[in-house]
């Protein structure tokens, strides 16, 4: 008789933890919206320049940032790694091309990149919780292809 109660308690705690995780994912989504906005400024500037490769890189990065902001709710781990990796490439490219690393702009980009990587543990936790409790309604909502809005009915 204690078994069902333990299982019900575990499911309730997991559901609560997934609810908190979902709020963290929404905060990460807002960060990624800011990412897209920040990426959009140099992208717009690059459109004025004659170099096609530079335009393609910035437009591609902008599209990825927008897609990440939209898709992070359904695949937080994948999009967090991808966006953090993109910013890491920007930092490495900045250093590799010999741009000024003692500048305020570089410091902002480096701090932003670290911020992207610091969001990864929350997404790992979400991924583990969903894998452990795939039958919870909130898990189903957070999985790829899950419902986006609550309809009032739980599956």
C-alpha atoms as a PDB file:
ATOM      1  CA  UNK A   1       0.000   0.000   0.000  1.00  0.00           C
ATOM      2  CA  UNK A   2       2.909   2.352   0.563  1.00  0.00           C
ATOM      3  CA  UNK A   3       4.116   1.736  -2.977  1.00  0.00           C
ATOM      4  CA  UNK A   4       1.351   3.681  -4.786  1.00  0.00           C
ATOM      5  CA  UNK A   5       1.693   6.571  -2.324  1.00  0.00           C
ATOM      6  CA  UNK A   6       5.452   6.698  -2.900  1.00  0.00           C
ATOM      7  CA  UNK A   7       4.915   6.627  -6.644  1.00  0.00           C
ATOM      8  CA  UNK A   8       2.226   9.313  -6.459  1.00  0.00           C
ATOM      9  CA  UNK A   9       4.479  11.490  -4.302  1.00  0.00           C
ATOM     10  CA  UNK A  10       7.366  11.027  -6.729  1.00  0.00           C
ATOM     11  CA  UNK A  11       5.154  11.917  -9.677  1.00  0.00           C
ATOM     12  CA  UNK A  12       3.828  15.009  -7.893  1.00  0.00           C
ATOM     13  CA  UNK A  13       7.362  16.145  -7.023  1.00  0.00           C
ATOM     14  CA  UNK A  14       8.540  15.459 -10.570  1.00  0.00           C
ATOM     15  CA  UNK A  15       5.610  17.427 -11.963  1.00  0.00           C
ATOM     16  CA  UNK A  16       6.422  20.357  -9.671  1.00  0.00           C
ATOM     17  CA  UNK A  17      10.097  20.207 -10.633  1.00  0.00           C
ATOM     18  CA  UNK A  18       9.202  20.082 -14.324  1.00  0.00           C
ATOM     19  CA  UNK A  19       6.979  23.133 -13.830  1.00  0.00           C
ATOM     20  CA  UNK A  20       9.936  25.001 -12.332  1.00  0.00           C
ATOM     21  CA  UNK A  21      12.140  23.739 -15.155  1.00  0.00           C
ATOM     22  CA  UNK A  22       9.614  24.972 -17.687  1.00  0.00           C
ATOM     23  CA  UNK A  23       9.806  28.454 -16.157  1.00  0.00           C
ATOM     24  CA  UNK A  24      13.603  28.300 -16.465  1.00  0.00           C
ATOM     25  CA  UNK A  25      13.251  27.304 -20.112  1.00  0.00           C
ATOM     26  CA  UNK A  26      10.972  30.309 -20.673  1.00  0.00           C
ATOM     27  CA  UNK A  27      13.635  32.555 -19.096  1.00  0.00           C
ATOM     28  CA  UNK A  28      16.226  30.971 -21.391  1.00  0.00           C
ATOM     29  CA  UNK A  29      13.860  31.608 -24.315  1.00  0.00           C
ATOM     30  CA  UNK A  30      13.736  35.293 -23.382  1.00  0.00           C
ATOM     31  CA  UNK A  31      17.535  35.320 -23.290  1.00  0.00           C
ATOM     32  CA  UNK A  32      17.559  33.800 -26.778  1.00  0.00           C
ATOM     33  CA  UNK A  33      15.144  36.448 -28.022  1.00  0.00           C
ATOM     34  CA  UNK A  34      17.679  39.011 -26.779  1.00  0.00           C
ATOM     35  CA  UNK A  35      20.300  36.901 -28.578  1.00  0.00           C
ATOM     36  CA  UNK A  36      18.425  37.278 -31.840  1.00  0.00           C
ATOM     37  CA  UNK A  37      18.072  41.024 -31.340  1.00  0.00           C
ATOM     38  CA  UNK A  38      21.781  41.373 -30.577  1.00  0.00           C
ATOM     39  CA  UNK A  39      22.671  39.232 -33.572  1.00  0.00           C
ATOM     40  CA  UNK A  40      20.304  41.275 -35.737  1.00  0.00           C
ATOM     41  CA  UNK A  41      22.241  44.535 -35.429  1.00  0.00           C
ATOM     42  CA  UNK A  42      25.495  43.282 -36.989  1.00  0.00           C
ATOM     43  CA  UNK A  43      23.436  41.300 -39.489  1.00  0.00           C
ATOM     44  CA  UNK A  44      21.729  44.475 -40.687  1.00  0.00           C
ATOM     45  CA  UNK A  45      25.092  46.220 -40.884  1.00  0.00           C
ATOM     46  CA  UNK A  46      26.587  43.298 -42.827  1.00  0.00           C
ATOM     47  CA  UNK A  47      23.881  43.669 -45.480  1.00  0.00           C
ATOM     48  CA  UNK A  48      25.424  47.043 -46.375  1.00  0.00           C
ATOM     49  CA  UNK A  49      28.826  45.476 -46.998  1.00  0.00           C
ATOM     50  CA  UNK A  50      29.932  43.919 -50.286  1.00  0.00           C
ATOM     51  CA  UNK A  51      31.168  40.580 -48.870  1.00  0.00           C
ATOM     52  CA  UNK A  52      28.704  37.780 -49.545  1.00  0.00           C
ATOM     53  CA  UNK A  53      30.271  35.351 -47.062  1.00  0.00           C
ATOM     54  CA  UNK A  54      29.945  37.839 -44.221  1.00  0.00           C
ATOM     55  CA  UNK A  55      26.313  38.476 -45.145  1.00  0.00           C
ATOM     56  CA  UNK A  56      25.624  34.740 -45.288  1.00  0.00           C
ATOM     57  CA  UNK A  57      27.232  34.141 -41.881  1.00  0.00           C
ATOM     58  CA  UNK A  58      25.263  36.881 -40.167  1.00  0.00           C
ATOM     59  CA  UNK A  59      21.958  36.052 -41.846  1.00  0.00           C
ATOM     60  CA  UNK A  60      22.470  32.340 -41.087  1.00  0.00           C
ATOM     61  CA  UNK A  61      23.354  33.120 -37.477  1.00  0.00           C
ATOM     62  CA  UNK A  62      20.314  35.374 -37.144  1.00  0.00           C
ATOM     63  CA  UNK A  63      18.023  32.661 -38.526  1.00  0.00           C
ATOM     64  CA  UNK A  64      19.528  30.147 -36.082  1.00  0.00           C
ATOM     65  CA  UNK A  65      19.055  32.546 -33.157  1.00  0.00           C
ATOM     66  CA  UNK A  66      15.395  33.115 -34.075  1.00  0.00           C
ATOM     67  CA  UNK A  67      14.820  29.390 -34.572  1.00  0.00           C
ATOM     68  CA  UNK A  68      16.516  28.664 -31.246  1.00  0.00           C
ATOM     69  CA  UNK A  69      14.276  31.153 -29.446  1.00  0.00           C
ATOM     70  CA  UNK A  70      11.217  29.472 -30.931  1.00  0.00           C
ATOM     71  CA  UNK A  71      12.359  25.844 -30.547  1.00  0.00           C
ATOM     72  CA  UNK A  72      14.070  25.998 -27.130  1.00  0.00           C
ATOM     73  CA  UNK A  73      10.802  25.088 -25.419  1.00  0.00           C
ATOM     74  CA  UNK A  74      10.596  21.790 -27.302  1.00  0.00           C
ATOM     75  CA  UNK A  75      14.321  20.904 -27.477  1.00  0.00           C
ATOM     76  CA  UNK A  76      16.105  22.974 -24.827  1.00  0.00           C
ATOM     77  CA  UNK A  77      19.277  20.891 -24.648  1.00  0.00           C
ATOM     78  CA  UNK A  78      19.924  20.811 -28.395  1.00  0.00           C
ATOM     79  CA  UNK A  79      19.293  24.517 -28.931  1.00  0.00           C
ATOM     80  CA  UNK A  80      21.260  25.552 -25.858  1.00  0.00           C
ATOM     81  CA  UNK A  81      24.318  23.661 -27.074  1.00  0.00           C
ATOM     82  CA  UNK A  82      23.939  24.997 -30.612  1.00  0.00           C
ATOM     83  CA  UNK A  83      23.572  28.640 -29.573  1.00  0.00           C
ATOM     84  CA  UNK A  84      26.409  28.442 -27.041  1.00  0.00           C
ATOM     85  CA  UNK A  85      28.605  26.832 -29.717  1.00  0.00           C
ATOM     86  CA  UNK A  86      27.811  29.616 -32.190  1.00  0.00           C
ATOM     87  CA  UNK A  87      28.807  32.275 -29.665  1.00  0.00           C
ATOM     88  CA  UNK A  88      31.965  30.292 -28.854  1.00  0.00           C
ATOM     89  CA  UNK A  89      32.888  30.312 -32.541  1.00  0.00           C
ATOM     90  CA  UNK A  90      32.374  34.082 -32.540  1.00  0.00           C
ATOM     91  CA  UNK A  91      34.759  34.477 -29.581  1.00  0.00           C
ATOM     92  CA  UNK A  92      37.354  32.152 -31.127  1.00  0.00           C
ATOM     93  CA  UNK A  93      37.023  33.933 -34.479  1.00  0.00           C
ATOM     94  CA  UNK A  94      37.406  37.287 -32.770  1.00  0.00           C
ATOM     95  CA  UNK A  95      40.675  36.133 -31.218  1.00  0.00           C
ATOM     96  CA  UNK A  96      41.809  34.216 -34.322  1.00  0.00           C
ATOM     97  CA  UNK A  97      41.367  37.154 -36.668  1.00  0.00           C
ATOM     98  CA  UNK A  98      43.342  39.368 -34.313  1.00  0.00           C
ATOM     99  CA  UNK A  99      40.565  41.739 -33.361  1.00  0.00           C
ATOM    100  CA  UNK A 100      40.978  43.802 -30.211  1.00  0.00           C
ATOM    101  CA  UNK A 101      40.377  41.521 -27.222  1.00  0.00           C
ATOM    102  CA  UNK A 102      40.909  44.275 -24.659  1.00  0.00           C
ATOM    103  CA  UNK A 103      37.784  46.083 -25.844  1.00  0.00           C
ATOM    104  CA  UNK A 104      34.454  46.498 -24.116  1.00  0.00           C
ATOM    105  CA  UNK A 105      32.665  44.836 -27.057  1.00  0.00           C
ATOM    106  CA  UNK A 106      34.796  41.722 -26.773  1.00  0.00           C
ATOM    107  CA  UNK A 107      34.172  41.588 -23.017  1.00  0.00           C
ATOM    108  CA  UNK A 108      30.417  41.731 -23.644  1.00  0.00           C
ATOM    109  CA  UNK A 109      30.592  38.985 -26.265  1.00  0.00           C
ATOM    110  CA  UNK A 110      32.731  36.807 -23.965  1.00  0.00           C
ATOM    111  CA  UNK A 111      30.394  37.302 -20.991  1.00  0.00           C
ATOM    112  CA  UNK A 112      27.379  36.617 -23.204  1.00  0.00           C
ATOM    113  CA  UNK A 113      29.014  33.387 -24.395  1.00  0.00           C
ATOM    114  CA  UNK A 114      29.692  32.272 -20.836  1.00  0.00           C
ATOM    115  CA  UNK A 115      26.048  33.055 -20.043  1.00  0.00           C
ATOM    116  CA  UNK A 116      24.939  30.785 -22.878  1.00  0.00           C
ATOM    117  CA  UNK A 117      27.044  27.932 -21.511  1.00  0.00           C
ATOM    118  CA  UNK A 118      25.787  28.522 -17.957  1.00  0.00           C
ATOM    119  CA  UNK A 119      22.231  27.842 -19.134  1.00  0.00           C
ATOM    120  CA  UNK A 120      23.128  24.341 -20.263  1.00  0.00           C
ATOM    121  CA  UNK A 121      22.861  22.590 -16.848  1.00  0.00           C
ATOM    122  CA  UNK A 122      19.206  23.628 -16.521  1.00  0.00           C
ATOM    123  CA  UNK A 123      18.461  22.083 -19.906  1.00  0.00           C
ATOM    124  CA  UNK A 124      20.297  18.879 -18.961  1.00  0.00           C
ATOM    125  CA  UNK A 125      18.107  18.633 -15.850  1.00  0.00           C
ATOM    126  CA  UNK A 126      14.965  19.152 -17.935  1.00  0.00           C
ATOM    127  CA  UNK A 127      16.071  16.459 -20.378  1.00  0.00           C
ATOM    128  CA  UNK A 128      16.676  14.004 -17.514  1.00  0.00           C
ATOM    129  CA  UNK A 129      13.307  14.746 -15.881  1.00  0.00           C
ATOM    130  CA  UNK A 130      11.442  14.284 -19.150  1.00  0.00           C
ATOM    131  CA  UNK A 131      13.254  10.996 -19.781  1.00  0.00           C
ATOM    132  CA  UNK A 132      12.430   9.771 -16.270  1.00  0.00           C
ATOM    133  CA  UNK A 133       8.763  10.828 -16.378  1.00  0.00           C
ATOM    134  CA  UNK A 134       7.647  10.870 -20.043  1.00  0.00           C
ATOM    135  CA  UNK A 135       4.043  10.100 -19.107  1.00  0.00           C
ATOM    136  CA  UNK A 136       3.432  13.315 -17.133  1.00  0.00           C
ATOM    137  CA  UNK A 137       1.340  15.840 -19.056  1.00  0.00           C
ATOM    138  CA  UNK A 138       3.959  18.546 -18.601  1.00  0.00           C
ATOM    139  CA  UNK A 139       6.630  16.203 -20.011  1.00  0.00           C
ATOM    140  CA  UNK A 140       4.474  15.565 -23.045  1.00  0.00           C
ATOM    141  CA  UNK A 141       4.071  19.330 -23.538  1.00  0.00           C
ATOM    142  CA  UNK A 142       7.818  19.902 -23.355  1.00  0.00           C
ATOM    143  CA  UNK A 143       8.775  17.133 -25.789  1.00  0.00           C
ATOM    144  CA  UNK A 144       9.215  17.734 -29.521  1.00  0.00           C
ATOM    145  CA  UNK A 145       5.799  17.603 -31.123  1.00  0.00           C
ATOM    146  CA  UNK A 146       4.080  18.206 -27.772  1.00  0.00           C
ATOM    147  CA  UNK A 147       1.151  20.521 -27.330  1.00  0.00           C
ATOM    148  CA  UNK A 148       2.092  24.139 -26.827  1.00  0.00           C
ATOM    149  CA  UNK A 149      -0.955  25.302 -24.917  1.00  0.00           C
ATOM    150  CA  UNK A 150      -2.891  23.771 -22.131  1.00  0.00           C
ATOM    151  CA  UNK A 151      -6.368  22.864 -23.235  1.00  0.00           C
ATOM    152  CA  UNK A 152      -7.739  22.104 -19.800  1.00  0.00           C
ATOM    153  CA  UNK A 153      -7.731  18.369 -20.467  1.00  0.00           C
ATOM    154  CA  UNK A 154      -4.894  16.220 -19.283  1.00  0.00           C
ATOM    155  CA  UNK A 155      -4.023  13.145 -21.329  1.00  0.00           C
END
